[in-house]
Amino acid sequence: GPPQKSGLSLVDYSGGIAAALAMVSAVRHA
């Protein structure tokens, strides 16, 4: 079949979780 995307916006969601982890880590550093 043709290439397909995931049924969910997993890049958006994973990017959001990664950013949340980065922010919490950086606040601890600050």
Full PDB file with SEQRES, HELIX, SHEET, SSBOND, CRYST1, ORIGX, SCALE, CONECT and MASTER records, all heavy atoms in Angstrom:
SEQRES   1 A   30  GLY PRO PRO GLN LYS SER GLY LEU SER LEU VAL ASP TYR          
SEQRES   2 A   30  SER GLY GLY ILE ALA ALA ALA LEU ALA MET VAL SER ALA          
SEQRES   3 A   30  VAL ARG HIS ALA                                              
HELIX    1 AA1 LEU A   10  HIS A   29  1                                  20    
CRYST1    1.000    1.000    1.000  90.00  90.00  90.00 P 1           1          
ORIGX1      1.000000  0.000000  0.000000        0.00000                         
ORIGX2      0.000000  1.000000  0.000000        0.00000                         
ORIGX3      0.000000  0.000000  1.000000        0.00000                         
SCALE1      1.000000  0.000000  0.000000        0.00000                         
SCALE2      0.000000  1.000000  0.000000        0.00000                         
SCALE3      0.000000  0.000000  1.000000        0.00000                         
ATOM      1  N   GLY A   1       0.816  -1.207   0.000  1.00  0.00           N  
ATOM      2  CA  GLY A   1       0.000   0.000   0.000  1.00  0.00           C  
ATOM      3  C   GLY A   1       0.848   1.254   0.000  1.00  0.00           C  
ATOM      4  O   GLY A   1       2.083   1.195   0.031  1.00  0.00           O  
ATOM      5  N   PRO A   2       0.213   2.422  -0.035  1.00  0.00           N  
ATOM      6  CA  PRO A   2       0.963   3.689  -0.023  1.00  0.00           C  
ATOM      7  C   PRO A   2       1.497   3.974   1.380  1.00  0.00           C  
ATOM      8  O   PRO A   2       1.011   3.411   2.367  1.00  0.00           O  
ATOM      9  CB  PRO A   2      -0.104   4.717  -0.419  1.00  0.00           C  
ATOM     10  CG  PRO A   2      -1.380   4.124   0.098  1.00  0.00           C  
ATOM     11  CD  PRO A   2      -1.236   2.633  -0.096  1.00  0.00           C  
ATOM     12  N   PRO A   3       2.484   4.851   1.508  1.00  0.00           N  
ATOM     13  CA  PRO A   3       2.929   5.275   2.838  1.00  0.00           C  
ATOM     14  C   PRO A   3       1.773   5.885   3.618  1.00  0.00           C  
ATOM     15  O   PRO A   3       0.913   6.554   3.038  1.00  0.00           O  
ATOM     16  CB  PRO A   3       4.010   6.319   2.533  1.00  0.00           C  
ATOM     17  CG  PRO A   3       4.432   6.036   1.132  1.00  0.00           C  
ATOM     18  CD  PRO A   3       3.221   5.520   0.433  1.00  0.00           C  
ATOM     19  N   GLN A   4       1.750   5.663   4.913  1.00  0.00           N  
ATOM     20  CA  GLN A   4       0.653   6.164   5.734  1.00  0.00           C  
ATOM     21  C   GLN A   4       1.182   6.844   6.989  1.00  0.00           C  
ATOM     22  O   GLN A   4       2.234   6.472   7.514  1.00  0.00           O  
ATOM     23  CB  GLN A   4      -0.266   5.011   6.160  1.00  0.00           C  
ATOM     24  CG  GLN A   4      -1.014   4.368   5.012  1.00  0.00           C  
ATOM     25  CD  GLN A   4      -1.967   3.286   5.486  1.00  0.00           C  
ATOM     26  OE1 GLN A   4      -2.126   3.064   6.677  1.00  0.00           O  
ATOM     27  NE2 GLN A   4      -2.606   2.603   4.556  1.00  0.00           N  
ATOM     28  N   LYS A   5       0.421   7.828   7.458  1.00  0.00           N  
ATOM     29  CA  LYS A   5       0.731   8.442   8.734  1.00  0.00           C  
ATOM     30  C   LYS A   5       0.060   7.671   9.854  1.00  0.00           C  
ATOM     31  O   LYS A   5      -0.875   6.885   9.621  1.00  0.00           O  
ATOM     32  CB  LYS A   5       0.266   9.902   8.772  1.00  0.00           C  
ATOM     33  CG  LYS A   5      -1.261  10.064   8.799  1.00  0.00           C  
ATOM     34  CD  LYS A   5      -1.669  11.524   8.872  1.00  0.00           C  
ATOM     35  CE  LYS A   5      -1.464  12.118  10.238  1.00  0.00           C  
ATOM     36  NZ  LYS A   5      -2.377  11.567  11.262  1.00  0.00           N  
ATOM     37  N   SER A   6       0.513   7.890  11.054  1.00  0.00           N  
ATOM     38  CA  SER A   6      -0.159   7.332  12.212  1.00  0.00           C  
ATOM     39  C   SER A   6      -1.550   7.937  12.343  1.00  0.00           C  
ATOM     40  O   SER A   6      -1.783   9.082  11.938  1.00  0.00           O  
ATOM     41  CB  SER A   6       0.656   7.634  13.477  1.00  0.00           C  
ATOM     42  OG  SER A   6      -0.106   7.421  14.638  1.00  0.00           O  
ATOM     43  N   GLY A   7      -2.465   7.194  12.935  1.00  0.00           N  
ATOM     44  CA  GLY A   7      -3.814   7.710  13.154  1.00  0.00           C  
ATOM     45  C   GLY A   7      -3.869   8.812  14.194  1.00  0.00           C  
ATOM     46  O   GLY A   7      -4.883   9.498  14.327  1.00  0.00           O  
ATOM     47  N   LEU A   8      -2.786   9.016  14.936  1.00  0.00           N  
ATOM     48  CA  LEU A   8      -2.702  10.062  15.955  1.00  0.00           C  
ATOM     49  C   LEU A   8      -1.550  11.006  15.636  1.00  0.00           C  
ATOM     50  O   LEU A   8      -0.603  10.627  14.936  1.00  0.00           O  
ATOM     51  CB  LEU A   8      -2.487   9.447  17.339  1.00  0.00           C  
ATOM     52  CG  LEU A   8      -3.567   8.486  17.829  1.00  0.00           C  
ATOM     53  CD1 LEU A   8      -3.127   7.800  19.111  1.00  0.00           C  
ATOM     54  CD2 LEU A   8      -4.883   9.222  18.032  1.00  0.00           C  
ATOM     55  N   SER A   9      -1.610  12.212  16.183  1.00  0.00           N  
ATOM     56  CA  SER A   9      -0.535  13.198  15.951  1.00  0.00           C  
ATOM     57  C   SER A   9       0.622  12.932  16.908  1.00  0.00           C  
ATOM     58  O   SER A   9       0.926  13.729  17.806  1.00  0.00           O  
ATOM     59  CB  SER A   9      -1.088  14.616  16.133  1.00  0.00           C  
ATOM     60  OG  SER A   9      -2.117  14.875  15.212  1.00  0.00           O  
ATOM     61  N   LEU A  10       1.295  11.805  16.710  1.00  0.00           N  
ATOM     62  CA  LEU A  10       2.273  11.339  17.686  1.00  0.00           C  
ATOM     63  C   LEU A  10       3.528  12.195  17.734  1.00  0.00           C  
ATOM     64  O   LEU A  10       4.195  12.254  18.771  1.00  0.00           O  
ATOM     65  CB  LEU A  10       2.640   9.883  17.385  1.00  0.00           C  
ATOM     66  CG  LEU A  10       1.518   8.876  17.612  1.00  0.00           C  
ATOM     67  CD1 LEU A  10       2.005   7.462  17.327  1.00  0.00           C  
ATOM     68  CD2 LEU A  10       0.987   8.962  19.041  1.00  0.00           C  
ATOM     69  N   VAL A  11       3.885  12.864  16.641  1.00  0.00           N  
ATOM     70  CA  VAL A  11       5.041  13.763  16.685  1.00  0.00           C  
ATOM     71  C   VAL A  11       4.719  14.973  17.563  1.00  0.00           C  
ATOM     72  O   VAL A  11       5.512  15.375  18.419  1.00  0.00           O  
ATOM     73  CB  VAL A  11       5.457  14.204  15.275  1.00  0.00           C  
ATOM     74  CG1 VAL A  11       6.652  15.160  15.353  1.00  0.00           C  
ATOM     75  CG2 VAL A  11       5.822  13.001  14.419  1.00  0.00           C  
ATOM     76  N   ASP A  12       3.536  15.552  17.369  1.00  0.00           N  
ATOM     77  CA  ASP A  12       3.111  16.671  18.218  1.00  0.00           C  
ATOM     78  C   ASP A  12       3.102  16.277  19.693  1.00  0.00           C  
ATOM     79  O   ASP A  12       3.630  16.998  20.548  1.00  0.00           O  
ATOM     80  CB  ASP A  12       1.700  17.128  17.819  1.00  0.00           C  
ATOM     81  CG  ASP A  12       1.696  18.089  16.649  1.00  0.00           C  
ATOM     82  OD1 ASP A  12       2.785  18.505  16.209  1.00  0.00           O  
ATOM     83  OD2 ASP A  12       0.594  18.426  16.177  1.00  0.00           O  
ATOM     84  N   TYR A  13       2.476  15.161  19.984  1.00  0.00           N  
ATOM     85  CA  TYR A  13       2.337  14.758  21.385  1.00  0.00           C  
ATOM     86  C   TYR A  13       3.688  14.409  22.007  1.00  0.00           C  
ATOM     87  O   TYR A  13       3.987  14.805  23.149  1.00  0.00           O  
ATOM     88  CB  TYR A  13       1.388  13.560  21.509  1.00  0.00           C  
ATOM     89  CG  TYR A  13       0.008  13.786  20.939  1.00  0.00           C  
ATOM     90  CD1 TYR A  13      -0.777  12.724  20.516  1.00  0.00           C  
ATOM     91  CD2 TYR A  13      -0.516  15.079  20.806  1.00  0.00           C  
ATOM     92  CE1 TYR A  13      -2.044  12.927  19.982  1.00  0.00           C  
ATOM     93  CE2 TYR A  13      -1.776  15.288  20.268  1.00  0.00           C  
ATOM     94  CZ  TYR A  13      -2.541  14.213  19.858  1.00  0.00           C  
ATOM     95  OH  TYR A  13      -3.784  14.413  19.324  1.00  0.00           O  
ATOM     96  N   SER A  14       4.509  13.676  21.264  1.00  0.00           N  
ATOM     97  CA  SER A  14       5.826  13.321  21.782  1.00  0.00           C  
ATOM     98  C   SER A  14       6.698  14.563  21.954  1.00  0.00           C  
ATOM     99  O   SER A  14       7.448  14.680  22.932  1.00  0.00           O  
ATOM    100  CB  SER A  14       6.509  12.325  20.846  1.00  0.00           C  
ATOM    101  OG  SER A  14       5.760  11.141  20.722  1.00  0.00           O  
ATOM    102  N   GLY A  15       6.597  15.489  21.002  1.00  0.00           N  
ATOM    103  CA  GLY A  15       7.343  16.736  21.122  1.00  0.00           C  
ATOM    104  C   GLY A  15       6.912  17.538  22.327  1.00  0.00           C  
ATOM    105  O   GLY A  15       7.736  18.158  23.021  1.00  0.00           O  
ATOM    106  N   GLY A  16       5.607  17.533  22.609  1.00  0.00           N  
ATOM    107  CA  GLY A  16       5.109  18.238  23.786  1.00  0.00           C  
ATOM    108  C   GLY A  16       5.633  17.644  25.073  1.00  0.00           C  
ATOM    109  O   GLY A  16       6.057  18.365  25.989  1.00  0.00           O  
ATOM    110  N   ILE A  17       5.614  16.315  25.168  1.00  0.00           N  
ATOM    111  CA  ILE A  17       6.112  15.664  26.381  1.00  0.00           C  
ATOM    112  C   ILE A  17       7.611  15.919  26.548  1.00  0.00           C  
ATOM    113  O   ILE A  17       8.095  16.180  27.657  1.00  0.00           O  
ATOM    114  CB  ILE A  17       5.805  14.160  26.339  1.00  0.00           C  
ATOM    115  CG1 ILE A  17       4.296  13.935  26.468  1.00  0.00           C  
ATOM    116  CG2 ILE A  17       6.538  13.416  27.450  1.00  0.00           C  
ATOM    117  CD1 ILE A  17       3.867  12.499  26.312  1.00  0.00           C  
ATOM    118  N   ALA A  18       8.367  15.856  25.434  1.00  0.00           N  
ATOM    119  CA  ALA A  18       9.801  16.116  25.500  1.00  0.00           C  
ATOM    120  C   ALA A  18      10.071  17.549  25.972  1.00  0.00           C  
ATOM    121  O   ALA A  18      10.977  17.796  26.789  1.00  0.00           O  
ATOM    122  CB  ALA A  18      10.451  15.870  24.140  1.00  0.00           C  
ATOM    123  N   ALA A  19       9.286  18.494  25.473  1.00  0.00           N  
ATOM    124  CA  ALA A  19       9.461  19.893  25.888  1.00  0.00           C  
ATOM    125  C   ALA A  19       9.130  20.078  27.366  1.00  0.00           C  
ATOM    126  O   ALA A  19       9.809  20.830  28.073  1.00  0.00           O  
ATOM    127  CB  ALA A  19       8.592  20.804  25.022  1.00  0.00           C  
ATOM    128  N   ALA A  20       8.086  19.392  27.834  1.00  0.00           N  
ATOM    129  CA  ALA A  20       7.738  19.479  29.255  1.00  0.00           C  
ATOM    130  C   ALA A  20       8.879  18.958  30.122  1.00  0.00           C  
ATOM    131  O   ALA A  20       9.224  19.558  31.155  1.00  0.00           O  
ATOM    132  CB  ALA A  20       6.457  18.692  29.521  1.00  0.00           C  
ATOM    133  N   LEU A  21       9.482  17.845  29.714  1.00  0.00           N  
ATOM    134  CA  LEU A  21      10.628  17.298  30.449  1.00  0.00           C  
ATOM    135  C   LEU A  21      11.794  18.276  30.441  1.00  0.00           C  
ATOM    136  O   LEU A  21      12.453  18.489  31.471  1.00  0.00           O  
ATOM    137  CB  LEU A  21      11.040  15.964  29.828  1.00  0.00           C  
ATOM    138  CG  LEU A  21      12.322  15.321  30.381  1.00  0.00           C  
ATOM    139  CD1 LEU A  21      12.186  15.031  31.866  1.00  0.00           C  
ATOM    140  CD2 LEU A  21      12.654  14.050  29.611  1.00  0.00           C  
ATOM    141  N   ALA A  22      12.042  18.886  29.297  1.00  0.00           N  
ATOM    142  CA  ALA A  22      13.133  19.855  29.192  1.00  0.00           C  
ATOM    143  C   ALA A  22      12.905  21.046  30.116  1.00  0.00           C  
ATOM    144  O   ALA A  22      13.829  21.514  30.805  1.00  0.00           O  
ATOM    145  CB  ALA A  22      13.282  20.322  27.747  1.00  0.00           C  
ATOM    146  N   MET A  23      11.670  21.554  30.157  1.00  0.00           N  
ATOM    147  CA  MET A  23      11.378  22.707  31.009  1.00  0.00           C  
ATOM    148  C   MET A  23      11.562  22.390  32.487  1.00  0.00           C  
ATOM    149  O   MET A  23      12.172  23.168  33.231  1.00  0.00           O  
ATOM    150  CB  MET A  23       9.959  23.210  30.726  1.00  0.00           C  
ATOM    151  CG  MET A  23       9.835  23.977  29.429  1.00  0.00           C  
ATOM    152  SD  MET A  23       8.195  24.730  29.214  1.00  0.00           S  
ATOM    153  CE  MET A  23       7.288  23.375  28.488  1.00  0.00           C  
ATOM    154  N   VAL A  24      11.038  21.254  32.917  1.00  0.00           N  
ATOM    155  CA  VAL A  24      11.175  20.876  34.329  1.00  0.00           C  
ATOM    156  C   VAL A  24      12.650  20.720  34.691  1.00  0.00           C  
ATOM    157  O   VAL A  24      13.099  21.164  35.755  1.00  0.00           O  
ATOM    158  CB  VAL A  24      10.393  19.584  34.613  1.00  0.00           C  
ATOM    159  CG1 VAL A  24      10.716  19.055  36.005  1.00  0.00           C  
ATOM    160  CG2 VAL A  24       8.895  19.835  34.493  1.00  0.00           C  
ATOM    161  N   SER A  25      13.432  20.110  33.799  1.00  0.00           N  
ATOM    162  CA  SER A  25      14.861  19.925  34.047  1.00  0.00           C  
ATOM    163  C   SER A  25      15.579  21.265  34.138  1.00  0.00           C  
ATOM    164  O   SER A  25      16.436  21.469  35.018  1.00  0.00           O  
ATOM    165  CB  SER A  25      15.488  19.074  32.936  1.00  0.00           C  
ATOM    166  OG  SER A  25      14.866  17.819  32.847  1.00  0.00           O  
ATOM    167  N   ALA A  26      15.248  22.178  33.236  1.00  0.00           N  
ATOM    168  CA  ALA A  26      15.915  23.477  33.215  1.00  0.00           C  
ATOM    169  C   ALA A  26      15.541  24.328  34.426  1.00  0.00           C  
ATOM    170  O   ALA A  26      16.379  25.079  34.950  1.00  0.00           O  
ATOM    171  CB  ALA A  26      15.566  24.216  31.924  1.00  0.00           C  
ATOM    172  N   VAL A  27      14.297  24.226  34.877  1.00  0.00           N  
ATOM    173  CA  VAL A  27      13.887  24.957  36.087  1.00  0.00           C  
ATOM    174  C   VAL A  27      14.689  24.459  37.290  1.00  0.00           C  
ATOM    175  O   VAL A  27      15.134  25.250  38.136  1.00  0.00           O  
ATOM    176  CB  VAL A  27      12.368  24.811  36.331  1.00  0.00           C  
ATOM    177  CG1 VAL A  27      11.998  25.298  37.730  1.00  0.00           C  
ATOM    178  CG2 VAL A  27      11.589  25.596  35.287  1.00  0.00           C  
ATOM    179  N   ARG A  28      14.890  23.149  37.364  1.00  0.00           N  
ATOM    180  CA  ARG A  28      15.710  22.592  38.448  1.00  0.00           C  
ATOM    181  C   ARG A  28      17.127  23.156  38.392  1.00  0.00           C  
ATOM    182  O   ARG A  28      17.711  23.521  39.414  1.00  0.00           O  
ATOM    183  CB  ARG A  28      15.737  21.063  38.327  1.00  0.00           C  
ATOM    184  CG  ARG A  28      16.650  20.384  39.324  1.00  0.00           C  
ATOM    185  CD  ARG A  28      16.102  20.474  40.738  1.00  0.00           C  
ATOM    186  NE  ARG A  28      16.977  19.768  41.657  1.00  0.00           N  
ATOM    187  CZ  ARG A  28      17.577  20.318  42.713  1.00  0.00           C  
ATOM    188  NH1 ARG A  28      17.381  21.601  42.982  1.00  0.00           N  
ATOM    189  NH2 ARG A  28      18.331  19.600  43.503  1.00  0.00           N  
ATOM    190  N   HIS A  29      17.684  23.246  37.179  1.00  0.00           N  
ATOM    191  CA  HIS A  29      19.020  23.814  36.993  1.00  0.00           C  
ATOM    192  C   HIS A  29      19.057  25.279  37.444  1.00  0.00           C  
ATOM    193  O   HIS A  29      19.985  25.706  38.153  1.00  0.00           O  
ATOM    194  CB  HIS A  29      19.424  23.701  35.527  1.00  0.00           C  
ATOM    195  CG  HIS A  29      20.648  24.493  35.160  1.00  0.00           C  
ATOM    196  ND1 HIS A  29      21.925  24.049  35.406  1.00  0.00           N  
ATOM    197  CD2 HIS A  29      20.785  25.720  34.574  1.00  0.00           C  
ATOM    198  CE1 HIS A  29      22.799  24.954  34.984  1.00  0.00           C  
ATOM    199  NE2 HIS A  29      22.121  25.968  34.473  1.00  0.00           N  
ATOM    200  N   ALA A  30      18.041  26.050  37.042  1.00  0.00           N  
ATOM    201  CA  ALA A  30      17.998  27.465  37.393  1.00  0.00           C  
ATOM    202  C   ALA A  30      17.842  27.666  38.892  1.00  0.00           C  
ATOM    203  O   ALA A  30      18.403  28.609  39.468  1.00  0.00           O  
ATOM    204  CB  ALA A  30      16.858  28.149  36.642  1.00  0.00           C  
TER     205      ALA A  30                                                      
MASTER        0    0    0    1    0    0    0    6  204    1    0    3          
END                                                                             
